[in-house]
Amino acid sequence: MNKIELLSRLQAFFNSDAKAKKKKSEQIKGVIKKLKTKQNKIKKMLEACRDEEMKKALQLEADIIKAQIDKGVDVLKNL
């Protein structure tokens, strides 16, 4: 194998790594967007809810979604 082939294979390897990171980043952004939509829906339900038990359950779900969004944002920062 000559130097040119070796360099082209190395370049292809590093490009594939960058593509994988970009794809993973895009997927995480999509999930965060869906979570934010779900969070807004739950907040609207929480505002309209009159039952205290249901409010507690909705608030817990909203807190869990918030934590998931925060974790996703942290993962994106570390990529």
Protein backbone atom coordinates (compact mmCIF):
# COMPACT_ATOMS: atom_id res chain seq x y z
CA MET A 1 0.00 0.00 0.00
CA ASN A 2 1.49 3.33 -0.95
CA LYS A 3 1.34 6.58 1.01
CA ILE A 4 -1.49 8.07 -1.04
CA GLU A 5 -3.77 5.07 -0.40
CA LEU A 6 -2.93 5.11 3.28
CA LEU A 7 -3.66 8.83 3.57
CA SER A 8 -6.94 8.50 1.69
CA ARG A 9 -8.05 5.66 3.99
CA LEU A 10 -7.12 7.67 7.07
CA GLN A 11 -9.04 10.67 5.72
CA ALA A 12 -12.09 8.50 5.05
CA PHE A 13 -11.88 7.11 8.59
CA PHE A 14 -11.80 10.56 10.19
CA ASN A 15 -14.59 11.84 7.94
CA SER A 16 -16.82 8.92 8.92
CA ASP A 17 -16.24 9.76 12.59
CA ALA A 18 -17.31 13.36 11.99
CA LYS A 19 -20.38 12.19 10.06
CA ALA A 20 -21.35 9.87 12.90
CA LYS A 21 -21.07 12.71 15.42
CA LYS A 22 -23.16 14.98 13.23
CA LYS A 23 -25.83 12.31 12.76
CA LYS A 24 -25.96 11.64 16.51
CA SER A 25 -26.21 15.37 17.15
CA GLU A 26 -29.11 15.70 14.69
CA GLN A 27 -30.93 12.80 16.35
CA ILE A 28 -30.52 14.29 19.82
CA LYS A 29 -31.77 17.67 18.58
CA GLY A 30 -34.86 15.96 17.17
CA VAL A 31 -35.57 14.22 20.46
CA ILE A 32 -35.13 17.48 22.39
CA LYS A 33 -37.57 19.20 20.06
CA LYS A 34 -40.16 16.46 20.62
CA LEU A 35 -39.63 16.64 24.38
CA LYS A 36 -40.15 20.40 24.38
CA THR A 37 -43.39 19.97 22.46
CA LYS A 38 -44.56 17.37 24.96
CA GLN A 39 -43.49 19.61 27.85
CA ASN A 40 -45.58 22.50 26.50
CA LYS A 41 -48.59 20.20 26.11
CA ILE A 42 -48.26 18.99 29.69
CA LYS A 43 -47.92 22.55 31.00
CA LYS A 44 -51.18 23.49 29.26
CA MET A 45 -52.86 20.43 30.77
CA LEU A 46 -51.46 21.37 34.17
CA GLU A 47 -52.89 24.89 33.95
CA ALA A 48 -56.33 23.56 33.01
CA CYS A 49 -56.39 20.76 35.59
CA ARG A 50 -58.52 21.11 38.73
CA ASP A 51 -57.82 17.75 40.40
CA GLU A 52 -54.91 17.93 42.89
CA GLU A 53 -53.83 14.32 42.38
CA MET A 54 -53.75 14.79 38.62
CA LYS A 55 -51.79 18.04 39.07
CA LYS A 56 -49.16 16.20 41.10
CA ALA A 57 -48.85 13.50 38.44
CA LEU A 58 -48.61 16.06 35.63
CA GLN A 59 -46.04 18.10 37.58
CA LEU A 60 -43.94 14.99 38.12
CA GLU A 61 -44.08 14.19 34.41
CA ALA A 62 -43.13 17.79 33.56
CA ASP A 63 -40.15 17.60 35.92
CA ILE A 64 -38.98 14.33 34.36
CA ILE A 65 -39.23 15.79 30.86
CA LYS A 66 -37.29 18.88 31.99
CA ALA A 67 -34.52 16.63 33.35
CA GLN A 68 -34.41 14.70 30.06
CA ILE A 69 -34.14 17.93 28.07
CA ASP A 70 -31.32 19.17 30.32
CA LYS A 71 -29.47 15.87 29.94
CA GLY A 72 -29.84 16.03 26.15
CA VAL A 73 -28.48 19.57 26.05
CA ASP A 74 -25.49 18.49 28.18
CA VAL A 75 -24.77 15.59 25.80
CA LEU A 76 -24.90 17.99 22.84
CA LYS A 77 -22.42 20.31 24.53
CA ASN A 78 -20.02 17.43 25.13
CA LEU A 79 -20.12 16.32 21.48
